[in-house]
Amino acid sequence: MMDMRIFKYEIGFNTTLKLPAGSTILKVAQPEDRPYMWAMVDIHAEREEERNIHIYGTGHTLPSNIVHAKFIDTFFDGPYVWHAFEFTGVEW
């Protein structure tokens, strides 16, 4: 039986998290002094999977494998604008 919840995770610029399998990343934002990610998870999932989240600033050089990443969200920190991506199945 699935029991879905939305949880908040503190993340950095290069973060690997273990989330319940099949979790859906919903949002990345910086409501305080550090970025957070919200994900919808099944708390009864039988296994976990690693999720690789990377954050890049506007105007920063992006890695060549960014074309294989999934865009998650753009968020703001004062004058700075950041962009979060998830890398799956590729070296990062």
PDB file of N, CA and C in Angstrom:
ATOM      1  N   MET A   1       0.836  -1.183   0.000  1.00  0.00           N
ATOM      2  CA  MET A   1       0.000   0.000   0.000  1.00  0.00           C
ATOM      3  C   MET A   1       0.881   1.246   0.000  1.00  0.00           C
ATOM      4  N   MET A   2       0.594   2.159  -0.891  1.00  0.00           N
ATOM      5  CA  MET A   2       1.373   3.396  -0.963  1.00  0.00           C
ATOM      6  C   MET A   2       0.884   4.379   0.098  1.00  0.00           C
ATOM      7  N   ASP A   3       1.836   5.078   0.672  1.00  0.00           N
ATOM      8  CA  ASP A   3       1.531   6.139   1.645  1.00  0.00           C
ATOM      9  C   ASP A   3       2.403   7.323   1.256  1.00  0.00           C
ATOM     10  N   MET A   4       1.837   8.222   0.457  1.00  0.00           N
ATOM     11  CA  MET A   4       2.602   9.325  -0.113  1.00  0.00           C
ATOM     12  C   MET A   4       2.652  10.513   0.843  1.00  0.00           C
ATOM     13  N   ARG A   5       3.844  11.101   0.935  1.00  0.00           N
ATOM     14  CA  ARG A   5       4.068  12.296   1.748  1.00  0.00           C
ATOM     15  C   ARG A   5       4.988  13.231   0.975  1.00  0.00           C
ATOM     16  N   ILE A   6       4.956  14.503   1.312  1.00  0.00           N
ATOM     17  CA  ILE A   6       5.918  15.460   0.761  1.00  0.00           C
ATOM     18  C   ILE A   6       6.902  15.796   1.865  1.00  0.00           C
ATOM     19  N   PHE A   7       8.191  15.579   1.578  1.00  0.00           N
ATOM     20  CA  PHE A   7       9.253  15.857   2.534  1.00  0.00           C
ATOM     21  C   PHE A   7      10.191  16.918   1.982  1.00  0.00           C
ATOM     22  N   LYS A   8      10.832  17.620   2.900  1.00  0.00           N
ATOM     23  CA  LYS A   8      11.794  18.682   2.586  1.00  0.00           C
ATOM     24  C   LYS A   8      13.197  18.158   2.894  1.00  0.00           C
ATOM     25  N   TYR A   9      14.139  18.384   1.967  1.00  0.00           N
ATOM     26  CA  TYR A   9      15.518  17.929   2.116  1.00  0.00           C
ATOM     27  C   TYR A   9      16.464  19.107   1.924  1.00  0.00           C
ATOM     28  N   GLU A  10      17.415  19.266   2.827  1.00  0.00           N
ATOM     29  CA  GLU A  10      18.454  20.284   2.643  1.00  0.00           C
ATOM     30  C   GLU A  10      19.433  19.766   1.597  1.00  0.00           C
ATOM     31  N   ILE A  11      19.792  20.617   0.639  1.00  0.00           N
ATOM     32  CA  ILE A  11      20.733  20.211  -0.400  1.00  0.00           C
ATOM     33  C   ILE A  11      21.838  21.253  -0.537  1.00  0.00           C
ATOM     34  N   GLY A  12      22.931  20.837  -1.168  1.00  0.00           N
ATOM     35  CA  GLY A  12      24.028  21.740  -1.488  1.00  0.00           C
ATOM     36  C   GLY A  12      24.165  21.838  -3.000  1.00  0.00           C
ATOM     37  N   PHE A  13      25.297  22.360  -3.449  1.00  0.00           N
ATOM     38  CA  PHE A  13      25.491  22.548  -4.886  1.00  0.00           C
ATOM     39  C   PHE A  13      25.720  21.234  -5.625  1.00  0.00           C
ATOM     40  N   ASN A  14      26.233  20.240  -4.949  1.00  0.00           N
ATOM     41  CA  ASN A  14      26.403  18.897  -5.509  1.00  0.00           C
ATOM     42  C   ASN A  14      25.988  17.920  -4.422  1.00  0.00           C
ATOM     43  N   THR A  15      24.808  17.358  -4.542  1.00  0.00           N
ATOM     44  CA  THR A  15      24.244  16.536  -3.477  1.00  0.00           C
ATOM     45  C   THR A  15      23.765  15.204  -4.027  1.00  0.00           C
ATOM     46  N   THR A  16      24.088  14.133  -3.313  1.00  0.00           N
ATOM     47  CA  THR A  16      23.519  12.822  -3.597  1.00  0.00           C
ATOM     48  C   THR A  16      22.644  12.447  -2.412  1.00  0.00           C
ATOM     49  N   LEU A  17      21.379  12.186  -2.684  1.00  0.00           N
ATOM     50  CA  LEU A  17      20.417  11.808  -1.652  1.00  0.00           C
ATOM     51  C   LEU A  17      19.891  10.411  -1.928  1.00  0.00           C
ATOM     52  N   LYS A  18      19.565   9.688  -0.874  1.00  0.00           N
ATOM     53  CA  LYS A  18      18.855   8.419  -1.022  1.00  0.00           C
ATOM     54  C   LYS A  18      17.393   8.697  -0.707  1.00  0.00           C
ATOM     55  N   LEU A  19      16.553   8.514  -1.723  1.00  0.00           N
ATOM     56  CA  LEU A  19      15.116   8.721  -1.580  1.00  0.00           C
ATOM     57  C   LEU A  19      14.397   7.400  -1.824  1.00  0.00           C
ATOM     58  N   PRO A  20      13.198   7.247  -1.273  1.00  0.00           N
ATOM     59  CA  PRO A  20      12.423   6.053  -1.597  1.00  0.00           C
ATOM     60  C   PRO A  20      12.260   5.926  -3.116  1.00  0.00           C
ATOM     61  N   ALA A  21      12.361   4.718  -3.616  1.00  0.00           N
ATOM     62  CA  ALA A  21      12.260   4.482  -5.060  1.00  0.00           C
ATOM     63  C   ALA A  21      10.965   5.068  -5.604  1.00  0.00           C
ATOM     64  N   GLY A  22      11.063   5.700  -6.761  1.00  0.00           N
ATOM     65  CA  GLY A  22       9.899   6.276  -7.414  1.00  0.00           C
ATOM     66  C   GLY A  22       9.506   7.657  -6.929  1.00  0.00           C
ATOM     67  N   SER A  23      10.321   8.269  -6.085  1.00  0.00           N
ATOM     68  CA  SER A  23      10.008   9.608  -5.573  1.00  0.00           C
ATOM     69  C   SER A  23       9.983  10.627  -6.705  1.00  0.00           C
ATOM     70  N   THR A  24       9.157  11.643  -6.532  1.00  0.00           N
ATOM     71  CA  THR A  24       9.041  12.715  -7.514  1.00  0.00           C
ATOM     72  C   THR A  24       9.559  14.010  -6.910  1.00  0.00           C
ATOM     73  N   ILE A  25      10.576  14.599  -7.526  1.00  0.00           N
ATOM     74  CA  ILE A  25      11.090  15.888  -7.064  1.00  0.00           C
ATOM     75  C   ILE A  25      10.132  16.966  -7.539  1.00  0.00           C
ATOM     76  N   LEU A  26       9.677  17.794  -6.599  1.00  0.00           N
ATOM     77  CA  LEU A  26       8.657  18.794  -6.893  1.00  0.00           C
ATOM     78  C   LEU A  26       9.190  20.207  -7.031  1.00  0.00           C
ATOM     79  N   LYS A  27      10.172  20.570  -6.211  1.00  0.00           N
ATOM     80  CA  LYS A  27      10.568  21.981  -6.120  1.00  0.00           C
ATOM     81  C   LYS A  27      11.943  22.089  -5.487  1.00  0.00           C
ATOM     82  N   VAL A  28      12.695  23.093  -5.915  1.00  0.00           N
ATOM     83  CA  VAL A  28      13.922  23.515  -5.239  1.00  0.00           C
ATOM     84  C   VAL A  28      13.778  25.006  -4.999  1.00  0.00           C
ATOM     85  N   ALA A  29      14.080  25.445  -3.779  1.00  0.00           N
ATOM     86  CA  ALA A  29      13.980  26.864  -3.434  1.00  0.00           C
ATOM     87  C   ALA A  29      14.933  27.153  -2.286  1.00  0.00           C
ATOM     88  N   GLN A  30      15.109  28.431  -2.012  1.00  0.00           N
ATOM     89  CA  GLN A  30      15.972  28.844  -0.912  1.00  0.00           C
ATOM     90  C   GLN A  30      15.181  29.786   0.004  1.00  0.00           C
ATOM     91  N   PRO A  31      14.317  29.226   0.859  1.00  0.00           N
ATOM     92  CA  PRO A  31      13.507  30.069   1.730  1.00  0.00           C
ATOM     93  C   PRO A  31      14.294  30.633   2.907  1.00  0.00           C
ATOM     94  N   GLU A  32      15.453  30.050   3.179  1.00  0.00           N
ATOM     95  CA  GLU A  32      16.283  30.496   4.291  1.00  0.00           C
ATOM     96  C   GLU A  32      17.676  30.792   3.745  1.00  0.00           C
ATOM     97  N   ASP A  33      18.699  30.371   4.442  1.00  0.00           N
ATOM     98  CA  ASP A  33      20.070  30.663   4.017  1.00  0.00           C
ATOM     99  C   ASP A  33      20.719  29.528   3.237  1.00  0.00           C
ATOM    100  N   ARG A  34      19.960  28.524   2.843  1.00  0.00           N
ATOM    101  CA  ARG A  34      20.499  27.398   2.069  1.00  0.00           C
ATOM    102  C   ARG A  34      19.389  26.813   1.205  1.00  0.00           C
ATOM    103  N   PRO A  35      19.759  26.121   0.119  1.00  0.00           N
ATOM    104  CA  PRO A  35      18.728  25.549  -0.748  1.00  0.00           C
ATOM    105  C   PRO A  35      18.096  24.288  -0.146  1.00  0.00           C
ATOM    106  N   TYR A  36      16.833  24.103  -0.469  1.00  0.00           N
ATOM    107  CA  TYR A  36      16.085  22.920  -0.066  1.00  0.00           C
ATOM    108  C   TYR A  36      15.373  22.349  -1.280  1.00  0.00           C
ATOM    109  N   MET A  37      15.069  21.055  -1.188  1.00  0.00           N
ATOM    110  CA  MET A  37      14.336  20.367  -2.227  1.00  0.00           C
ATOM    111  C   MET A  37      13.133  19.693  -1.581  1.00  0.00           C
ATOM    112  N   TRP A  38      11.990  19.746  -2.251  1.00  0.00           N
ATOM    113  CA  TRP A  38      10.799  19.052  -1.789  1.00  0.00           C
ATOM    114  C   TRP A  38      10.517  17.910  -2.742  1.00  0.00           C
ATOM    115  N   ALA A  39      10.192  16.749  -2.176  1.00  0.00           N
ATOM    116  CA  ALA A  39       9.903  15.574  -2.997  1.00  0.00           C
ATOM    117  C   ALA A  39       8.695  14.836  -2.438  1.00  0.00           C
ATOM    118  N   MET A  40       7.904  14.280  -3.344  1.00  0.00           N
ATOM    119  CA  MET A  40       6.788  13.426  -2.954  1.00  0.00           C
ATOM    120  C   MET A  40       7.317  11.996  -2.902  1.00  0.00           C
ATOM    121  N   VAL A  41       7.203  11.373  -1.745  1.00  0.00           N
ATOM    122  CA  VAL A  41       7.796  10.052  -1.533  1.00  0.00           C
ATOM    123  C   VAL A  41       6.757   9.079  -0.981  1.00  0.00           C
ATOM    124  N   ASP A  42       6.963   7.810  -1.271  1.00  0.00           N
ATOM    125  CA  ASP A  42       6.157   6.739  -0.684  1.00  0.00           C
ATOM    126  C   ASP A  42       6.930   6.232   0.528  1.00  0.00           C
ATOM    127  N   ILE A  43       6.417   6.497   1.722  1.00  0.00           N
ATOM    128  CA  ILE A  43       7.177   6.129   2.927  1.00  0.00           C
ATOM    129  C   ILE A  43       7.241   4.616   3.131  1.00  0.00           C
ATOM    130  N   HIS A  44       6.472   3.852   2.371  1.00  0.00           N
ATOM    131  CA  HIS A  44       6.514   2.393   2.472  1.00  0.00           C
ATOM    132  C   HIS A  44       7.246   1.745   1.297  1.00  0.00           C
ATOM    133  N   ALA A  45       7.947   2.536   0.502  1.00  0.00           N
ATOM    134  CA  ALA A  45       8.706   1.972  -0.627  1.00  0.00           C
ATOM    135  C   ALA A  45       9.695   0.938  -0.097  1.00  0.00           C
ATOM    136  N   GLU A  46       9.850  -0.146  -0.821  1.00  0.00           N
ATOM    137  CA  GLU A  46      10.703  -1.240  -0.362  1.00  0.00           C
ATOM    138  C   GLU A  46      12.184  -0.994  -0.594  1.00  0.00           C
ATOM    139  N   ARG A  47      12.507  -0.057  -1.466  1.00  0.00           N
ATOM    140  CA  ARG A  47      13.927   0.214  -1.706  1.00  0.00           C
ATOM    141  C   ARG A  47      14.147   1.712  -1.875  1.00  0.00           C
ATOM    142  N   GLU A  48      15.416   2.080  -1.809  1.00  0.00           N
ATOM    143  CA  GLU A  48      15.813   3.473  -2.016  1.00  0.00           C
ATOM    144  C   GLU A  48      16.622   3.573  -3.301  1.00  0.00           C
ATOM    145  N   GLU A  49      16.715   4.791  -3.825  1.00  0.00           N
ATOM    146  CA  GLU A  49      17.558   5.038  -4.987  1.00  0.00           C
ATOM    147  C   GLU A  49      18.298   6.353  -4.780  1.00  0.00           C
ATOM    148  N   GLU A  50      19.520   6.402  -5.309  1.00  0.00           N
ATOM    149  CA  GLU A  50      20.304   7.631  -5.207  1.00  0.00           C
ATOM    150  C   GLU A  50      19.822   8.637  -6.236  1.00  0.00           C
ATOM    151  N   ARG A  51      19.728   9.888  -5.806  1.00  0.00           N
ATOM    152  CA  ARG A  51      19.343  10.988  -6.689  1.00  0.00           C
ATOM    153  C   ARG A  51      20.468  12.015  -6.626  1.00  0.00           C
ATOM    154  N   ASN A  52      21.009  12.386  -7.772  1.00  0.00           N
ATOM    155  CA  ASN A  52      22.154  13.293  -7.868  1.00  0.00           C
ATOM    156  C   ASN A  52      21.685  14.665  -8.334  1.00  0.00           C
ATOM    157  N   ILE A  53      21.750  15.631  -7.422  1.00  0.00           N
ATOM    158  CA  ILE A  53      21.265  16.979  -7.686  1.00  0.00           C
ATOM    159  C   ILE A  53      22.460  17.924  -7.770  1.00  0.00           C
ATOM    160  N   HIS A  54      22.480  18.743  -8.820  1.00  0.00           N
ATOM    161  CA  HIS A  54      23.551  19.724  -9.000  1.00  0.00           C
ATOM    162  C   HIS A  54      22.936  21.082  -9.286  1.00  0.00           C
ATOM    163  N   ILE A  55      23.566  22.113  -8.737  1.00  0.00           N
ATOM    164  CA  ILE A  55      23.070  23.480  -8.870  1.00  0.00           C
ATOM    165  C   ILE A  55      24.131  24.324  -9.558  1.00  0.00           C
ATOM    166  N   TYR A  56      23.699  25.113 -10.547  1.00  0.00           N
ATOM    167  CA  TYR A  56      24.597  25.987 -11.301  1.00  0.00           C
ATOM    168  C   TYR A  56      24.022  27.391 -11.328  1.00  0.00           C
ATOM    169  N   GLY A  57      24.903  28.373 -11.279  1.00  0.00           N
ATOM    170  CA  GLY A  57      24.476  29.764 -11.335  1.00  0.00           C
ATOM    171  C   GLY A  57      24.318  30.259 -12.761  1.00  0.00           C
ATOM    172  N   THR A  58      23.482  31.272 -12.918  1.00  0.00           N
ATOM    173  CA  THR A  58      23.327  31.909 -14.222  1.00  0.00           C
ATOM    174  C   THR A  58      24.687  32.435 -14.683  1.00  0.00           C
ATOM    175  N   GLY A  59      25.057  32.129 -15.914  1.00  0.00           N
ATOM    176  CA  GLY A  59      26.328  32.578 -16.474  1.00  0.00           C
ATOM    177  C   GLY A  59      27.498  31.668 -16.177  1.00  0.00           C
ATOM    178  N   HIS A  60      27.318  30.665 -15.313  1.00  0.00           N
ATOM    179  CA  HIS A  60      28.399  29.732 -15.002  1.00  0.00           C
ATOM    180  C   HIS A  60      28.579  28.741 -16.148  1.00  0.00           C
ATOM    181  N   THR A  61      29.781  28.223 -16.283  1.00  0.00           N
ATOM    182  CA  THR A  61      30.049  27.189 -17.273  1.00  0.00           C
ATOM    183  C   THR A  61      29.363  25.902 -16.836  1.00  0.00           C
ATOM    184  N   LEU A  62      28.660  25.271 -17.751  1.00  0.00           N
ATOM    185  CA  LEU A  62      27.958  24.022 -17.463  1.00  0.00           C
ATOM    186  C   LEU A  62      28.768  22.847 -17.995  1.00  0.00           C
ATOM    187  N   PRO A  63      28.672  21.681 -17.340  1.00  0.00           N
ATOM    188  CA  PRO A  63      29.394  20.514 -17.845  1.00  0.00           C
ATOM    189  C   PRO A  63      28.786  20.045 -19.170  1.00  0.00           C
ATOM    190  N   SER A  64      29.590  19.371 -19.976  1.00  0.00           N
ATOM    191  CA  SER A  64      29.111  18.930 -21.292  1.00  0.00           C
ATOM    192  C   SER A  64      27.964  17.926 -21.184  1.00  0.00           C
ATOM    193  N   ASN A  65      27.902  17.179 -20.079  1.00  0.00           N
ATOM    194  CA  ASN A  65      26.835  16.183 -19.946  1.00  0.00           C
ATOM    195  C   ASN A  65      25.530  16.778 -19.410  1.00  0.00           C
ATOM    196  N   ILE A  66      25.435  18.101 -19.327  1.00  0.00           N
ATOM    197  CA  ILE A  66      24.202  18.747 -18.867  1.00  0.00           C
ATOM    198  C   ILE A  66      23.032  18.401 -19.792  1.00  0.00           C
ATOM    199  N   VAL A  67      23.331  18.082 -21.046  1.00  0.00           N
ATOM    200  CA  VAL A  67      22.267  17.738 -21.997  1.00  0.00           C
ATOM    201  C   VAL A  67      21.541  16.454 -21.600  1.00  0.00           C
ATOM    202  N   HIS A  68      22.163  15.642 -20.733  1.00  0.00           N
ATOM    203  CA  HIS A  68      21.548  14.397 -20.268  1.00  0.00           C
ATOM    204  C   HIS A  68      20.844  14.569 -18.925  1.00  0.00           C
ATOM    205  N   ALA A  69      20.951  15.749 -18.331  1.00  0.00           N
ATOM    206  CA  ALA A  69      20.357  15.996 -17.017  1.00  0.00           C
ATOM    207  C   ALA A  69      18.909  16.446 -17.165  1.00  0.00           C
ATOM    208  N   LYS A  70      18.151  16.253 -16.098  1.00  0.00           N
ATOM    209  CA  LYS A  70      16.759  16.705 -16.063  1.00  0.00           C
ATOM    210  C   LYS A  70      16.697  18.012 -15.279  1.00  0.00           C
ATOM    211  N   PHE A  71      16.175  19.052 -15.899  1.00  0.00           N
ATOM    212  CA  PHE A  71      15.998  20.327 -15.214  1.00  0.00           C
ATOM    213  C   PHE A  71      14.918  20.167 -14.150  1.00  0.00           C
ATOM    214  N   ILE A  72      15.213  20.680 -12.931  1.00  0.00           N
ATOM    215  CA  ILE A  72      14.242  20.604 -11.841  1.00  0.00           C
ATOM    216  C   ILE A  72      13.569  21.949 -11.609  1.00  0.00           C
ATOM    217  N   ASP A  73      14.393  22.990 -11.380  1.00  0.00           N
ATOM    218  CA  ASP A  73      13.809  24.271 -10.988  1.00  0.00           C
ATOM    219  C   ASP A  73      14.862  25.368 -11.046  1.00  0.00           C
ATOM    220  N   THR A  74      14.390  26.607 -11.088  1.00  0.00           N
ATOM    221  CA  THR A  74      15.220  27.801 -10.940  1.00  0.00           C
ATOM    222  C   THR A  74      14.794  28.481  -9.653  1.00  0.00           C
ATOM    223  N   PHE A  75      15.782  28.964  -8.867  1.00  0.00           N
ATOM    224  CA  PHE A  75      15.436  29.645  -7.620  1.00  0.00           C
ATOM    225  C   PHE A  75      16.354  30.834  -7.415  1.00  0.00           C
ATOM    226  N   PHE A  76      15.957  31.727  -6.514  1.00  0.00           N
ATOM    227  CA  PHE A  76      16.629  33.009  -6.327  1.00  0.00           C
ATOM    228  C   PHE A  76      17.228  33.115  -4.932  1.00  0.00           C
ATOM    229  N   ASP A  77      18.386  33.770  -4.854  1.00  0.00           N
ATOM    230  CA  ASP A  77      19.066  34.068  -3.593  1.00  0.00           C
ATOM    231  C   ASP A  77      19.564  35.500  -3.709  1.00  0.00           C
ATOM    232  N   GLY A  78      18.723  36.456  -3.310  1.00  0.00           N
ATOM    233  CA  GLY A  78      19.082  37.864  -3.479  1.00  0.00           C
ATOM    234  C   GLY A  78      19.304  38.158  -4.952  1.00  0.00           C
ATOM    235  N   PRO A  79      20.497  38.679  -5.304  1.00  0.00           N
ATOM    236  CA  PRO A  79      20.757  39.008  -6.707  1.00  0.00           C
ATOM    237  C   PRO A  79      21.156  37.792  -7.555  1.00  0.00           C
ATOM    238  N   TYR A  80      21.317  36.635  -6.924  1.00  0.00           N
ATOM    239  CA  TYR A  80      21.790  35.442  -7.634  1.00  0.00           C
ATOM    240  C   TYR A  80      20.616  34.572  -8.068  1.00  0.00           C
ATOM    241  N   VAL A  81      20.773  33.981  -9.253  1.00  0.00           N
ATOM    242  CA  VAL A  81      19.763  33.065  -9.778  1.00  0.00           C
ATOM    243  C   VAL A  81      20.441  31.718 -10.001  1.00  0.00           C
ATOM    244  N   TRP A  82      19.852  30.656  -9.450  1.00  0.00           N
ATOM    245  CA  TRP A  82      20.422  29.313  -9.488  1.00  0.00           C
ATOM    246  C   TRP A  82      19.480  28.368 -10.222  1.00  0.00           C
ATOM    247  N   HIS A  83      20.073  27.314 -10.807  1.00  0.00           N
ATOM    248  CA  HIS A  83      19.316  26.365 -11.616  1.00  0.00           C
ATOM    249  C   HIS A  83      19.688  24.951 -11.163  1.00  0.00           C
ATOM    250  N   ALA A  84      18.686  24.164 -10.776  1.00  0.00           N
ATOM    251  CA  ALA A  84      18.907  22.815 -10.250  1.00  0.00           C
ATOM    252  C   ALA A  84      18.608  21.773 -11.322  1.00  0.00           C
ATOM    253  N   PHE A  85      19.495  20.781 -11.408  1.00  0.00           N
ATOM    254  CA  PHE A  85      19.362  19.685 -12.365  1.00  0.00           C
ATOM    255  C   PHE A  85      19.565  18.363 -11.645  1.00  0.00           C
ATOM    256  N   GLU A  86      18.936  17.316 -12.172  1.00  0.00           N
ATOM    257  CA  GLU A  86      19.177  15.965 -11.675  1.00  0.00           C
ATOM    258  C   GLU A  86      19.888  15.170 -12.759  1.00  0.00           C
ATOM    259  N   PHE A  87      20.988  14.550 -12.369  1.00  0.00           N
ATOM    260  CA  PHE A  87      21.735  13.682 -13.272  1.00  0.00           C
ATOM    261  C   PHE A  87      21.368  12.238 -12.955  1.00  0.00           C
ATOM    262  N   THR A  88      20.918  11.509 -13.961  1.00  0.00           N
ATOM    263  CA  THR A  88      20.585  10.099 -13.784  1.00  0.00           C
ATOM    264  C   THR A  88      21.249   9.292 -14.885  1.00  0.00           C
ATOM    265  N   GLY A  89      21.905   8.226 -14.500  1.00  0.00           N
ATOM    266  CA  GLY A  89      22.482   7.319 -15.477  1.00  0.00           C
ATOM    267  C   GLY A  89      23.644   7.871 -16.274  1.00  0.00           C
ATOM    268  N   VAL A  90      24.222   9.003 -15.845  1.00  0.00           N
ATOM    269  CA  VAL A  90      25.397   9.559 -16.523  1.00  0.00           C
ATOM    270  C   VAL A  90      26.427   9.925 -15.472  1.00  0.00           C
ATOM    271  N   GLU A  91      27.663   9.933 -15.879  1.00  0.00           N
ATOM    272  CA  GLU A  91      28.718  10.387 -14.978  1.00  0.00           C
ATOM    273  C   GLU A  91      28.618  11.887 -14.812  1.00  0.00           C
ATOM    274  N   TRP A  92      28.804  12.385 -13.627  1.00  0.00           N
ATOM    275  CA  TRP A  92      28.738  13.824 -13.375  1.00  0.00           C
ATOM    276  C   TRP A  92      29.932  14.287 -12.600  1.00  0.00           C
TER     277      TRP A  92
END
